Amino acid sequence: MQMNEKTMVADTLTGINGELVRFGEMIAQTENSDLKQTLKQFRNACEQSQEELYKIAREKSYYVPAAKATQQEIDHVKGLFTSSVL
C-alpha cells in the first residue's frame, strides 16, 4: 500500500505532538538544570517544526481546524479556571 502525502503529513504531526508531550514530561521530572535547559531547547525546536508542518497542512487543506470558540465559550472556560469548580 502506498502512502499519500496527506497521510504522511498527518502521521508526522501525530508523532511530533507525541514528542512534545514526552518533552513536557521529561522537563518536569528532571532536577538537572543543564538537562532541563537542553530538553527545553529540543521542545522549542519540535514546536517550531510542528507549527511549520501545521501551516503546510492548512495550506493544502489536509487539516481543517475546528470552528473558533465563541466569546461565551471562552468566558465559560476562563470562569472554570478562576472558580473552585476544578
PDB file of N, CA and C in Angstrom:
ATOM      1  N   MET A   1       0.837  -1.175   0.000  1.00  0.00           N
ATOM      2  CA  MET A   1       0.000   0.000   0.000  1.00  0.00           C
ATOM      3  C   MET A   1       0.887   1.245   0.000  1.00  0.00           C
ATOM      4  N   GLN A   2       0.591   2.169  -0.852  1.00  0.00           N
ATOM      5  CA  GLN A   2       1.377   3.375  -0.982  1.00  0.00           C
ATOM      6  C   GLN A   2       0.757   4.497  -0.149  1.00  0.00           C
ATOM      7  N   MET A   3       1.594   5.155   0.649  1.00  0.00           N
ATOM      8  CA  MET A   3       1.102   6.261   1.464  1.00  0.00           C
ATOM      9  C   MET A   3       1.065   7.532   0.623  1.00  0.00           C
ATOM     10  N   ASN A   4       0.016   8.310   0.804  1.00  0.00           N
ATOM     11  CA  ASN A   4      -0.042   9.579   0.096  1.00  0.00           C
ATOM     12  C   ASN A   4       0.487  10.696   1.003  1.00  0.00           C
ATOM     13  N   GLU A   5       0.667  11.857   0.414  1.00  0.00           N
ATOM     14  CA  GLU A   5       1.258  12.974   1.147  1.00  0.00           C
ATOM     15  C   GLU A   5       0.417  13.375   2.360  1.00  0.00           C
ATOM     16  N   LYS A   6      -0.893  13.391   2.200  1.00  0.00           N
ATOM     17  CA  LYS A   6      -1.773  13.776   3.301  1.00  0.00           C
ATOM     18  C   LYS A   6      -1.585  12.847   4.497  1.00  0.00           C
ATOM     19  N   THR A   7      -1.499  11.561   4.242  1.00  0.00           N
ATOM     20  CA  THR A   7      -1.308  10.582   5.315  1.00  0.00           C
ATOM     21  C   THR A   7       0.047  10.780   5.991  1.00  0.00           C
ATOM     22  N   MET A   8       1.072  11.036   5.184  1.00  0.00           N
ATOM     23  CA  MET A   8       2.407  11.238   5.752  1.00  0.00           C
ATOM     24  C   MET A   8       2.450  12.488   6.627  1.00  0.00           C
ATOM     25  N   VAL A   9       1.802  13.550   6.189  1.00  0.00           N
ATOM     26  CA  VAL A   9       1.770  14.784   6.983  1.00  0.00           C
ATOM     27  C   VAL A   9       1.022  14.530   8.296  1.00  0.00           C
ATOM     28  N   ALA A  10      -0.105  13.870   8.217  1.00  0.00           N
ATOM     29  CA  ALA A  10      -0.894  13.576   9.417  1.00  0.00           C
ATOM     30  C   ALA A  10      -0.108  12.697  10.383  1.00  0.00           C
ATOM     31  N   ASP A  11       0.551  11.677   9.878  1.00  0.00           N
ATOM     32  CA  ASP A  11       1.347  10.792  10.731  1.00  0.00           C
ATOM     33  C   ASP A  11       2.504  11.546  11.382  1.00  0.00           C
ATOM     34  N   THR A  12       3.136  12.428  10.627  1.00  0.00           N
ATOM     35  CA  THR A  12       4.250  13.195  11.158  1.00  0.00           C
ATOM     36  C   THR A  12       3.768  14.151  12.251  1.00  0.00           C
ATOM     37  N   LEU A  13       2.638  14.821  12.019  1.00  0.00           N
ATOM     38  CA  LEU A  13       2.088  15.703  13.048  1.00  0.00           C
ATOM     39  C   LEU A  13       1.744  14.933  14.316  1.00  0.00           C
ATOM     40  N   THR A  14       1.190  13.755  14.163  1.00  0.00           N
ATOM     41  CA  THR A  14       0.865  12.922  15.323  1.00  0.00           C
ATOM     42  C   THR A  14       2.129  12.570  16.092  1.00  0.00           C
ATOM     43  N   GLY A  15       3.180  12.202  15.377  1.00  0.00           N
ATOM     44  CA  GLY A  15       4.452  11.874  16.027  1.00  0.00           C
ATOM     45  C   GLY A  15       5.049  13.066  16.749  1.00  0.00           C
ATOM     46  N   ILE A  16       5.028  14.224  16.102  1.00  0.00           N
ATOM     47  CA  ILE A  16       5.569  15.437  16.724  1.00  0.00           C
ATOM     48  C   ILE A  16       4.777  15.784  17.980  1.00  0.00           C
ATOM     49  N   ASN A  17       3.467  15.693  17.905  1.00  0.00           N
ATOM     50  CA  ASN A  17       2.644  16.000  19.075  1.00  0.00           C
ATOM     51  C   ASN A  17       2.963  15.063  20.234  1.00  0.00           C
ATOM     52  N   GLY A  18       3.206  13.805  19.936  1.00  0.00           N
ATOM     53  CA  GLY A  18       3.593  12.853  20.977  1.00  0.00           C
ATOM     54  C   GLY A  18       4.933  13.207  21.594  1.00  0.00           C
ATOM     55  N   GLU A  19       5.869  13.642  20.759  1.00  0.00           N
ATOM     56  CA  GLU A  19       7.179  14.038  21.263  1.00  0.00           C
ATOM     57  C   GLU A  19       7.058  15.265  22.168  1.00  0.00           C
ATOM     58  N   LEU A  20       6.199  16.201  21.804  1.00  0.00           N
ATOM     59  CA  LEU A  20       6.006  17.385  22.641  1.00  0.00           C
ATOM     60  C   LEU A  20       5.499  16.997  24.025  1.00  0.00           C
ATOM     61  N   VAL A  21       4.596  16.030  24.079  1.00  0.00           N
ATOM     62  CA  VAL A  21       4.090  15.547  25.365  1.00  0.00           C
ATOM     63  C   VAL A  21       5.229  14.943  26.174  1.00  0.00           C
ATOM     64  N   ARG A  22       6.046  14.107  25.526  1.00  0.00           N
ATOM     65  CA  ARG A  22       7.146  13.468  26.233  1.00  0.00           C
ATOM     66  C   ARG A  22       8.189  14.481  26.722  1.00  0.00           C
ATOM     67  N   PHE A  23       8.495  15.474  25.894  1.00  0.00           N
ATOM     68  CA  PHE A  23       9.432  16.510  26.350  1.00  0.00           C
ATOM     69  C   PHE A  23       8.886  17.218  27.582  1.00  0.00           C
ATOM     70  N   GLY A  24       7.604  17.542  27.576  1.00  0.00           N
ATOM     71  CA  GLY A  24       6.993  18.187  28.740  1.00  0.00           C
ATOM     72  C   GLY A  24       7.110  17.340  29.988  1.00  0.00           C
ATOM     73  N   GLU A  25       6.896  16.043  29.845  1.00  0.00           N
ATOM     74  CA  GLU A  25       7.015  15.131  30.990  1.00  0.00           C
ATOM     75  C   GLU A  25       8.449  15.075  31.503  1.00  0.00           C
ATOM     76  N   MET A  26       9.406  14.982  30.564  1.00  0.00           N
ATOM     77  CA  MET A  26      10.816  14.880  30.964  1.00  0.00           C
ATOM     78  C   MET A  26      11.288  16.171  31.628  1.00  0.00           C
ATOM     79  N   ILE A  27      10.886  17.317  31.081  1.00  0.00           N
ATOM     80  CA  ILE A  27      11.301  18.599  31.649  1.00  0.00           C
ATOM     81  C   ILE A  27      10.821  18.717  33.093  1.00  0.00           C
ATOM     82  N   ALA A  28       9.601  18.332  33.332  1.00  0.00           N
ATOM     83  CA  ALA A  28       9.024  18.436  34.675  1.00  0.00           C
ATOM     84  C   ALA A  28       9.684  17.479  35.669  1.00  0.00           C
ATOM     85  N   GLN A  29      10.255  16.381  35.179  1.00  0.00           N
ATOM     86  CA  GLN A  29      10.774  15.355  36.071  1.00  0.00           C
ATOM     87  C   GLN A  29      12.272  15.439  36.336  1.00  0.00           C
ATOM     88  N   THR A  30      12.993  16.236  35.559  1.00  0.00           N
ATOM     89  CA  THR A  30      14.435  16.272  35.763  1.00  0.00           C
ATOM     90  C   THR A  30      14.840  17.353  36.754  1.00  0.00           C
ATOM     91  N   GLU A  31      15.852  17.055  37.559  1.00  0.00           N
ATOM     92  CA  GLU A  31      16.377  18.033  38.505  1.00  0.00           C
ATOM     93  C   GLU A  31      17.646  18.682  37.973  1.00  0.00           C
ATOM     94  N   ASN A  32      18.257  18.090  36.953  1.00  0.00           N
ATOM     95  CA  ASN A  32      19.493  18.612  36.390  1.00  0.00           C
ATOM     96  C   ASN A  32      19.177  19.816  35.517  1.00  0.00           C
ATOM     97  N   SER A  33      19.666  20.990  35.921  1.00  0.00           N
ATOM     98  CA  SER A  33      19.300  22.215  35.206  1.00  0.00           C
ATOM     99  C   SER A  33      19.848  22.250  33.785  1.00  0.00           C
ATOM    100  N   ASP A  34      21.033  21.676  33.556  1.00  0.00           N
ATOM    101  CA  ASP A  34      21.576  21.635  32.192  1.00  0.00           C
ATOM    102  C   ASP A  34      20.722  20.749  31.291  1.00  0.00           C
ATOM    103  N   LEU A  35      20.337  19.601  31.808  1.00  0.00           N
ATOM    104  CA  LEU A  35      19.483  18.697  31.043  1.00  0.00           C
ATOM    105  C   LEU A  35      18.121  19.343  30.795  1.00  0.00           C
ATOM    106  N   LYS A  36      17.591  20.002  31.821  1.00  0.00           N
ATOM    107  CA  LYS A  36      16.291  20.667  31.684  1.00  0.00           C
ATOM    108  C   LYS A  36      16.349  21.711  30.570  1.00  0.00           C
ATOM    109  N   GLN A  37      17.428  22.500  30.531  1.00  0.00           N
ATOM    110  CA  GLN A  37      17.579  23.524  29.502  1.00  0.00           C
ATOM    111  C   GLN A  37      17.698  22.894  28.111  1.00  0.00           C
ATOM    112  N   THR A  38      18.454  21.814  28.008  1.00  0.00           N
ATOM    113  CA  THR A  38      18.605  21.122  26.725  1.00  0.00           C
ATOM    114  C   THR A  38      17.268  20.568  26.244  1.00  0.00           C
ATOM    115  N   LEU A  39      16.509  19.981  27.147  1.00  0.00           N
ATOM    116  CA  LEU A  39      15.195  19.451  26.785  1.00  0.00           C
ATOM    117  C   LEU A  39      14.254  20.564  26.335  1.00  0.00           C
ATOM    118  N   LYS A  40      14.341  21.716  26.982  1.00  0.00           N
ATOM    119  CA  LYS A  40      13.513  22.860  26.578  1.00  0.00           C
ATOM    120  C   LYS A  40      13.882  23.320  25.171  1.00  0.00           C
ATOM    121  N   GLN A  41      15.176  23.307  24.853  1.00  0.00           N
ATOM    122  CA  GLN A  41      15.613  23.682  23.505  1.00  0.00           C
ATOM    123  C   GLN A  41      15.083  22.690  22.475  1.00  0.00           C
ATOM    124  N   PHE A  42      15.158  21.396  22.805  1.00  0.00           N
ATOM    125  CA  PHE A  42      14.617  20.373  21.904  1.00  0.00           C
ATOM    126  C   PHE A  42      13.111  20.556  21.729  1.00  0.00           C
ATOM    127  N   ARG A  43      12.418  20.829  22.838  1.00  0.00           N
ATOM    128  CA  ARG A  43      10.968  21.032  22.769  1.00  0.00           C
ATOM    129  C   ARG A  43      10.626  22.235  21.895  1.00  0.00           C
ATOM    130  N   ASN A  44      11.378  23.314  22.063  1.00  0.00           N
ATOM    131  CA  ASN A  44      11.122  24.515  21.266  1.00  0.00           C
ATOM    132  C   ASN A  44      11.329  24.253  19.774  1.00  0.00           C
ATOM    133  N   ALA A  45      12.385  23.516  19.439  1.00  0.00           N
ATOM    134  CA  ALA A  45      12.634  23.170  18.030  1.00  0.00           C
ATOM    135  C   ALA A  45      11.515  22.275  17.504  1.00  0.00           C
ATOM    136  N   CYS A  46      11.060  21.363  18.337  1.00  0.00           N
ATOM    137  CA  CYS A  46       9.972  20.457  17.963  1.00  0.00           C
ATOM    138  C   CYS A  46       8.685  21.255  17.743  1.00  0.00           C
ATOM    139  N   GLU A  47       8.414  22.234  18.608  1.00  0.00           N
ATOM    140  CA  GLU A  47       7.229  23.075  18.447  1.00  0.00           C
ATOM    141  C   GLU A  47       7.305  23.868  17.145  1.00  0.00           C
ATOM    142  N   GLN A  48       8.484  24.355  16.812  1.00  0.00           N
ATOM    143  CA  GLN A  48       8.645  25.110  15.577  1.00  0.00           C
ATOM    144  C   GLN A  48       8.370  24.212  14.367  1.00  0.00           C
ATOM    145  N   SER A  49       8.865  22.987  14.397  1.00  0.00           N
ATOM    146  CA  SER A  49       8.601  22.041  13.312  1.00  0.00           C
ATOM    147  C   SER A  49       7.110  21.746  13.200  1.00  0.00           C
ATOM    148  N   GLN A  50       6.468  21.589  14.350  1.00  0.00           N
ATOM    149  CA  GLN A  50       5.032  21.305  14.358  1.00  0.00           C
ATOM    150  C   GLN A  50       4.269  22.460  13.732  1.00  0.00           C
ATOM    151  N   GLU A  51       4.635  23.694  14.075  1.00  0.00           N
ATOM    152  CA  GLU A  51       3.943  24.862  13.523  1.00  0.00           C
ATOM    153  C   GLU A  51       4.134  24.954  12.011  1.00  0.00           C
ATOM    154  N   GLU A  52       5.347  24.699  11.543  1.00  0.00           N
ATOM    155  CA  GLU A  52       5.621  24.759  10.103  1.00  0.00           C
ATOM    156  C   GLU A  52       4.828  23.693   9.349  1.00  0.00           C
ATOM    157  N   LEU A  53       4.812  22.487   9.886  1.00  0.00           N
ATOM    158  CA  LEU A  53       4.076  21.409   9.234  1.00  0.00           C
ATOM    159  C   LEU A  53       2.567  21.665   9.288  1.00  0.00           C
ATOM    160  N   TYR A  54       2.102  22.234  10.393  1.00  0.00           N
ATOM    161  CA  TYR A  54       0.688  22.585  10.516  1.00  0.00           C
ATOM    162  C   TYR A  54       0.297  23.593   9.442  1.00  0.00           C
ATOM    163  N   LYS A  55       1.149  24.595   9.208  1.00  0.00           N
ATOM    164  CA  LYS A  55       0.864  25.602   8.173  1.00  0.00           C
ATOM    165  C   LYS A  55       0.766  24.945   6.800  1.00  0.00           C
ATOM    166  N   ILE A  56       1.665  24.022   6.514  1.00  0.00           N
ATOM    167  CA  ILE A  56       1.629  23.303   5.238  1.00  0.00           C
ATOM    168  C   ILE A  56       0.323  22.514   5.122  1.00  0.00           C
ATOM    169  N   ALA A  57      -0.043  21.826   6.201  1.00  0.00           N
ATOM    170  CA  ALA A  57      -1.270  21.028   6.192  1.00  0.00           C
ATOM    171  C   ALA A  57      -2.492  21.912   5.962  1.00  0.00           C
ATOM    172  N   ARG A  58      -2.505  23.094   6.579  1.00  0.00           N
ATOM    173  CA  ARG A  58      -3.622  24.026   6.370  1.00  0.00           C
ATOM    174  C   ARG A  58      -3.664  24.530   4.929  1.00  0.00           C
ATOM    175  N   GLU A  59      -2.495  24.901   4.392  1.00  0.00           N
ATOM    176  CA  GLU A  59      -2.431  25.417   3.024  1.00  0.00           C
ATOM    177  C   GLU A  59      -2.926  24.397   2.011  1.00  0.00           C
ATOM    178  N   LYS A  60      -2.659  23.131   2.252  1.00  0.00           N
ATOM    179  CA  LYS A  60      -3.039  22.081   1.319  1.00  0.00           C
ATOM    180  C   LYS A  60      -4.406  21.479   1.659  1.00  0.00           C
ATOM    181  N   SER A  61      -5.071  22.046   2.653  1.00  0.00           N
ATOM    182  CA  SER A  61      -6.385  21.574   3.125  1.00  0.00           C
ATOM    183  C   SER A  61      -6.336  20.138   3.622  1.00  0.00           C
ATOM    184  N   TYR A  62      -5.172  19.731   4.138  1.00  0.00           N
ATOM    185  CA  TYR A  62      -5.059  18.411   4.763  1.00  0.00           C
ATOM    186  C   TYR A  62      -5.632  18.438   6.172  1.00  0.00           C
ATOM    187  N   TYR A  63      -5.678  19.622   6.734  1.00  0.00           N
ATOM    188  CA  TYR A  63      -6.173  19.779   8.094  1.00  0.00           C
ATOM    189  C   TYR A  63      -7.116  20.969   8.123  1.00  0.00           C
ATOM    190  N   VAL A  64      -8.289  20.758   8.656  1.00  0.00           N
ATOM    191  CA  VAL A  64      -9.261  21.836   8.807  1.00  0.00           C
ATOM    192  C   VAL A  64      -9.545  21.939  10.304  1.00  0.00           C
ATOM    193  N   PRO A  65      -9.159  23.066  10.911  1.00  0.00           N
ATOM    194  CA  PRO A  65      -9.354  23.194  12.357  1.00  0.00           C
ATOM    195  C   PRO A  65     -10.825  23.311  12.724  1.00  0.00           C
ATOM    196  N   ALA A  66     -11.098  23.060  13.967  1.00  0.00           N
ATOM    197  CA  ALA A  66     -12.461  23.215  14.478  1.00  0.00           C
ATOM    198  C   ALA A  66     -12.844  24.690  14.415  1.00  0.00           C
ATOM    199  N   ALA A  67     -14.125  24.946  14.487  1.00  0.00           N
ATOM    200  CA  ALA A  67     -14.614  26.328  14.481  1.00  0.00           C
ATOM    201  C   ALA A  67     -14.060  27.069  15.699  1.00  0.00           C
ATOM    202  N   LYS A  68     -13.853  28.360  15.536  1.00  0.00           N
ATOM    203  CA  LYS A  68     -13.332  29.177  16.639  1.00  0.00           C
ATOM    204  C   LYS A  68     -14.373  29.238  17.755  1.00  0.00           C
ATOM    205  N   ALA A  69     -13.874  29.284  18.971  1.00  0.00           N
ATOM    206  CA  ALA A  69     -14.746  29.369  20.134  1.00  0.00           C
ATOM    207  C   ALA A  69     -15.437  30.720  20.173  1.00  0.00           C
ATOM    208  N   THR A  70     -16.662  30.701  20.631  1.00  0.00           N
ATOM    209  CA  THR A  70     -17.387  31.958  20.803  1.00  0.00           C
ATOM    210  C   THR A  70     -16.877  32.645  22.067  1.00  0.00           C
ATOM    211  N   GLN A  71     -17.171  33.924  22.205  1.00  0.00           N
ATOM    212  CA  GLN A  71     -16.763  34.650  23.412  1.00  0.00           C
ATOM    213  C   GLN A  71     -17.410  34.030  24.642  1.00  0.00           C
ATOM    214  N   GLN A  72     -18.625  33.548  24.504  1.00  0.00           N
ATOM    215  CA  GLN A  72     -19.323  32.903  25.622  1.00  0.00           C
ATOM    216  C   GLN A  72     -18.578  31.641  26.053  1.00  0.00           C
ATOM    217  N   GLU A  73     -18.124  30.839  25.097  1.00  0.00           N
ATOM    218  CA  GLU A  73     -17.365  29.626  25.428  1.00  0.00           C
ATOM    219  C   GLU A  73     -16.034  29.975  26.091  1.00  0.00           C
ATOM    220  N   ILE A  74     -15.378  30.999  25.579  1.00  0.00           N
ATOM    221  CA  ILE A  74     -14.101  31.432  26.163  1.00  0.00           C
ATOM    222  C   ILE A  74     -14.313  31.894  27.606  1.00  0.00           C
ATOM    223  N   ASP A  75     -15.341  32.705  27.821  1.00  0.00           N
ATOM    224  CA  ASP A  75     -15.641  33.196  29.163  1.00  0.00           C
ATOM    225  C   ASP A  75     -15.967  32.055  30.114  1.00  0.00           C
ATOM    226  N   HIS A  76     -16.678  31.051  29.616  1.00  0.00           N
ATOM    227  CA  HIS A  76     -17.026  29.892  30.449  1.00  0.00           C
ATOM    228  C   HIS A  76     -15.761  29.161  30.914  1.00  0.00           C
ATOM    229  N   VAL A  77     -14.846  28.911  29.991  1.00  0.00           N
ATOM    230  CA  VAL A  77     -13.609  28.204  30.343  1.00  0.00           C
ATOM    231  C   VAL A  77     -12.773  29.047  31.301  1.00  0.00           C
ATOM    232  N   LYS A  78     -12.671  30.330  31.031  1.00  0.00           N
ATOM    233  CA  LYS A  78     -11.941  31.221  31.946  1.00  0.00           C
ATOM    234  C   LYS A  78     -12.548  31.155  33.342  1.00  0.00           C
ATOM    235  N   GLY A  79     -13.871  31.128  33.388  1.00  0.00           N
ATOM    236  CA  GLY A  79     -14.557  31.044  34.658  1.00  0.00           C
ATOM    237  C   GLY A  79     -14.241  29.774  35.416  1.00  0.00           C
ATOM    238  N   LEU A  80     -14.080  28.677  34.698  1.00  0.00           N
ATOM    239  CA  LEU A  80     -13.728  27.415  35.349  1.00  0.00           C
ATOM    240  C   LEU A  80     -12.381  27.493  36.042  1.00  0.00           C
ATOM    241  N   PHE A  81     -11.451  28.221  35.428  1.00  0.00           N
ATOM    242  CA  PHE A  81     -10.111  28.297  36.000  1.00  0.00           C
ATOM    243  C   PHE A  81      -9.994  29.349  37.097  1.00  0.00           C
ATOM    244  N   THR A  82     -10.942  30.235  37.177  1.00  0.00           N
ATOM    245  CA  THR A  82     -10.891  31.253  38.230  1.00  0.00           C
ATOM    246  C   THR A  82     -11.827  30.935  39.392  1.00  0.00           C
ATOM    247  N   SER A  83     -12.619  29.882  39.233  1.00  0.00           N
ATOM    248  CA  SER A  83     -13.503  29.477  40.325  1.00  0.00           C
ATOM    249  C   SER A  83     -12.967  28.184  40.936  1.00  0.00           C
ATOM    250  N   SER A  84     -13.652  27.680  41.896  1.00  0.00           N
ATOM    251  CA  SER A  84     -13.204  26.456  42.561  1.00  0.00           C
ATOM    252  C   SER A  84     -13.828  25.203  41.958  1.00  0.00           C
ATOM    253  N   VAL A  85     -14.388  25.301  40.752  1.00  0.00           N
ATOM    254  CA  VAL A  85     -15.038  24.157  40.100  1.00  0.00           C
ATOM    255  C   VAL A  85     -14.007  23.073  39.798  1.00  0.00           C
ATOM    256  N   LEU A  86     -12.815  23.474  39.324  1.00  0.00           N
ATOM    257  CA  LEU A  86     -11.770  22.489  39.005  1.00  0.00           C
ATOM    258  C   LEU A  86     -11.110  22.140  40.270  1.00  0.00           C
TER     259      LEU A  86
END
